[in-house]
Amino acid sequence: MATVNFSVPDEVKEAFNRTFAKQNKSAISAELMRKAVEEAKRQKRRAEAMRRLTKGRAHRRLVTDEEIRAAREVGRP
C-alpha cells in the first residue's frame, strides 16, 4: 500500500474532516481517487467519441431545409 502526501486548502481539509468524522479517511480518500480516475477515463472516452462522430463533418454535403423536409415526408400518407 502506498502513502500519498499532498496539500489542500485548509477549508477543504476542515470540511472533509467534519463531513467524514469517525470514518476511515484513508478508505474514503482512496474511493474518491478511484472515482476521479474513472471520471477522467469517462471524459476521455466521451471526447474521443465526439471526435470520431464529428471527424467527417467538414467533408459532408450540406443539406437544405427543403431536402430535410422532403425526406421527412417521404412515405407519409
Protein backbone atom coordinates (compact mmCIF):
# COMPACT_ATOMS: atom_id res chain seq x y z
CA MET A 1 0.00 0.00 0.00
CA ALA A 2 1.33 3.44 -0.91
CA THR A 3 1.33 6.62 1.12
CA VAL A 4 0.17 9.80 -0.60
CA ASN A 5 1.12 13.24 0.66
CA PHE A 6 -0.34 16.36 -0.97
CA SER A 7 -1.50 19.79 0.09
CA VAL A 8 -5.09 21.02 0.10
CA PRO A 9 -6.56 24.34 1.22
CA ASP A 10 -7.28 24.46 4.95
CA GLU A 11 -11.02 24.94 4.42
CA VAL A 12 -11.16 21.79 2.26
CA LYS A 13 -9.34 19.77 4.91
CA GLU A 14 -11.62 21.08 7.65
CA ALA A 15 -14.77 20.38 5.64
CA PHE A 16 -13.50 16.88 4.80
CA ASN A 17 -12.73 16.15 8.45
CA ARG A 18 -16.15 17.43 9.58
CA THR A 19 -18.00 15.54 6.87
CA PHE A 20 -16.21 12.24 7.44
CA ALA A 21 -15.64 12.40 11.20
CA LYS A 22 -15.24 8.99 12.83
CA GLN A 23 -14.79 7.31 9.43
CA ASN A 24 -11.72 5.77 7.82
CA LYS A 25 -10.42 8.81 5.96
CA SER A 26 -7.80 6.76 4.09
CA ALA A 27 -10.50 4.49 2.66
CA ILE A 28 -12.66 7.49 1.78
CA SER A 29 -9.74 9.25 0.08
CA ALA A 30 -8.90 6.10 -1.87
CA GLU A 31 -12.52 5.74 -3.04
CA LEU A 32 -12.68 9.41 -4.07
CA MET A 33 -9.44 8.97 -6.02
CA ARG A 34 -10.83 5.85 -7.74
CA LYS A 35 -13.94 7.80 -8.72
CA ALA A 36 -11.83 10.68 -10.03
CA VAL A 37 -9.78 8.28 -12.16
CA GLU A 38 -12.94 6.66 -13.58
CA GLU A 39 -14.48 10.08 -14.31
CA ALA A 40 -11.31 11.17 -16.13
CA LYS A 41 -11.43 7.97 -18.21
CA ARG A 42 -15.13 8.59 -19.00
CA GLN A 43 -14.40 12.15 -20.08
CA LYS A 44 -11.58 10.92 -22.32
CA ARG A 45 -13.86 8.29 -23.91
CA ARG A 46 -16.59 10.92 -24.48
CA ALA A 47 -14.12 13.33 -26.07
CA GLU A 48 -12.81 10.58 -28.35
CA ALA A 49 -16.35 9.53 -29.31
CA MET A 50 -17.25 13.13 -30.15
CA ARG A 51 -14.07 13.48 -32.19
CA ARG A 52 -14.95 10.35 -34.17
CA LEU A 53 -18.56 11.44 -34.64
CA THR A 54 -17.63 14.91 -35.89
CA LYS A 55 -14.49 13.90 -37.79
CA GLY A 56 -16.05 13.92 -41.25
CA ARG A 57 -18.39 16.85 -40.65
CA ALA A 58 -16.32 19.30 -42.71
CA HIS A 59 -16.45 16.98 -45.73
CA ARG A 60 -20.16 16.17 -45.68
CA ARG A 61 -22.51 17.59 -48.24
CA LEU A 62 -24.72 20.32 -46.82
CA VAL A 63 -28.43 19.52 -46.90
CA THR A 64 -31.00 22.25 -47.41
CA ASP A 65 -34.09 22.74 -45.26
CA GLU A 66 -36.20 21.76 -48.24
CA GLU A 67 -34.34 18.44 -48.63
CA ILE A 68 -34.79 17.69 -44.93
CA ARG A 69 -38.50 18.49 -45.10
CA ALA A 70 -38.91 16.33 -48.20
CA ALA A 71 -37.08 13.41 -46.55
CA ARG A 72 -39.39 13.60 -43.54
CA GLU A 73 -42.46 13.44 -45.76
CA VAL A 74 -41.34 10.50 -47.93
CA GLY A 75 -43.73 7.59 -47.37
CA ARG A 76 -46.16 9.52 -45.19
CA PRO A 77 -49.83 9.40 -46.09
